[in-house]
Protein backbone atom coordinates (compact mmCIF):
# COMPACT_ATOMS: atom_id res chain seq x y z
CA ASN A 1 -12.83 -80.48 37.37
CA LYS A 2 -10.50 -82.74 39.70
CA PRO A 3 -11.69 -83.92 43.18
CA THR A 4 -10.83 -81.08 45.85
CA ARG A 5 -11.40 -81.35 49.18
CA VAL A 6 -13.13 -80.01 51.34
CA SER A 7 -11.53 -76.68 53.46
CA PHE A 8 -14.41 -76.80 55.90
CA PHE A 9 -13.93 -79.94 57.32
CA ALA A 10 -9.94 -80.51 57.69
CA ASN A 11 -9.64 -79.87 61.09
CA THR A 12 -12.26 -82.27 61.88
CA ASN A 13 -13.84 -86.83 60.96
CA VAL A 14 -16.57 -87.10 58.70
CA LEU A 15 -18.47 -90.38 60.13
CA ASP A 16 -20.69 -89.62 57.20
CA VAL A 17 -21.88 -88.11 53.97
CA SER A 18 -24.53 -87.40 51.65
CA CYS A 19 -25.08 -86.46 48.32
CA GLY A 20 -28.51 -85.78 46.83
CA GLN A 21 -28.96 -86.31 42.89
CA SER A 22 -32.28 -83.53 42.07
CA LYS A 23 -30.69 -81.70 39.45
CA ALA A 24 -33.61 -78.76 40.79
CA HIS A 25 -33.01 -77.72 44.40
CA PRO A 26 -29.23 -80.32 45.03
CA HIS A 27 -27.83 -80.75 48.93
CA THR A 28 -25.90 -82.32 50.78
CA LEU A 29 -25.08 -83.68 54.78
CA ALA A 30 -22.34 -84.71 56.28
CA ILE A 31 -21.24 -85.87 60.15
CA THR A 32 -18.61 -84.63 62.30
CA GLU A 33 -17.22 -85.88 65.13
CA SER A 34 -14.92 -84.13 67.73
CA GLU A 35 -14.26 -84.88 71.22
CA GLN A 36 -16.94 -87.79 70.97
CA GLU A 37 -19.00 -84.95 70.34
CA ARG A 38 -21.44 -85.37 66.83
CA THR A 39 -22.48 -82.66 64.34
CA VAL A 40 -24.99 -82.11 61.54
CA TRP A 41 -23.41 -80.16 58.74
CA ALA A 42 -26.27 -79.13 55.45
CA TRP A 43 -25.46 -77.48 52.06
CA GLY A 44 -26.15 -76.31 49.03
CA ASP A 45 -30.16 -75.78 47.93
CA ALA A 46 -32.90 -73.96 50.51
CA TYR A 47 -36.18 -75.30 49.07
CA LYS A 48 -38.21 -76.75 51.29
CA ASP A 49 -36.06 -76.40 53.71
CA GLN A 50 -34.39 -79.44 53.33
CA LEU A 51 -31.56 -77.71 54.74
CA GLY A 52 -32.40 -78.75 58.00
CA GLU A 53 -32.57 -74.36 59.08
CA PRO A 54 -33.63 -71.26 58.28
CA ILE A 55 -31.40 -69.40 55.23
CA SER A 56 -31.35 -66.60 53.78
CA GLN A 57 -30.65 -67.20 50.66
CA GLU A 58 -32.20 -69.97 48.52
CA PHE A 59 -28.95 -70.80 48.78
CA THR A 60 -25.01 -72.03 50.45
CA CYS A 61 -22.14 -73.81 50.18
CA THR A 62 -20.77 -73.53 53.38
CA PRO A 63 -22.68 -75.91 55.47
CA THR A 64 -24.55 -74.44 58.07
CA GLN A 65 -25.20 -76.46 61.17
CA ILE A 66 -28.40 -78.49 61.38
CA THR A 67 -28.99 -77.34 65.91
CA PHE A 68 -31.85 -79.91 66.61
CA PHE A 69 -29.40 -82.56 65.84
CA ASP A 70 -27.05 -80.75 68.42
CA GLY A 71 -27.08 -83.45 71.61
CA ARG A 72 -28.05 -86.66 69.77
CA ASN A 73 -26.10 -88.66 68.46
CA ALA A 74 -26.38 -88.35 64.94
CA GLU A 75 -25.35 -91.78 63.17
CA LYS A 76 -26.26 -91.86 59.50
CA VAL A 77 -27.97 -88.98 57.19
CA CYS A 78 -29.27 -89.55 53.77
CA SER A 79 -30.84 -86.98 51.13
CA GLY A 80 -33.24 -86.89 48.49
CA GLY A 81 -34.27 -85.84 45.81
CA ILE A 82 -36.22 -82.56 48.56
CA HIS A 83 -36.15 -84.26 51.74
CA SER A 84 -33.31 -85.16 53.70
CA MET A 85 -32.95 -87.67 56.51
CA ALA A 86 -31.57 -88.49 59.57
CA LEU A 87 -30.65 -92.18 62.34
CA CYS A 88 -29.80 -90.85 65.48
CA ASP A 89 -29.82 -93.60 68.35
CA GLY A 90 -32.03 -95.62 66.81
CA LYS A 91 -34.51 -93.36 65.49
CA VAL A 92 -35.55 -91.91 62.34
CA PHE A 93 -35.65 -88.28 62.08
CA THR A 94 -36.83 -86.60 57.93
CA TRP A 95 -37.36 -83.18 57.14
CA GLY A 96 -37.56 -81.08 54.29
CA CYS A 97 -41.29 -81.48 51.43
CA GLY A 98 -43.93 -84.42 52.46
CA SER A 99 -45.01 -84.90 49.03
CA ASP A 100 -46.39 -88.43 48.68
CA GLY A 101 -46.02 -89.93 51.84
CA ARG A 102 -41.60 -89.54 51.88
CA LEU A 103 -40.97 -88.08 55.03
CA GLY A 104 -43.29 -90.39 56.75
CA HIS A 105 -45.48 -87.70 58.65
CA PRO A 106 -47.12 -84.45 57.35
CA GLU A 107 -45.19 -81.46 56.37
CA CYS A 108 -44.23 -79.67 59.48
């Protein structure tokens, strides 16, 4: 194994990336920016909707745009064990598994 560039992001500026540490349900989040527009992406295991978008398979190796964040100024992302988090315009958004209070609100 050696570091390999993620070709999906070859022509865009990646501002932030976070890799979940769950062995059972790993996922990754990223923020890109092109022409002053920021986009949040997710890929990996779709357990408990931690990817932020409904997908038909259990996991995806292709980054999927999280459309909820369109028009929002995403600043940071964090991949938890089975949940996800983003900081946008100074506000915190969470999604995925909400057990044990990890989301800061009830599961949606």
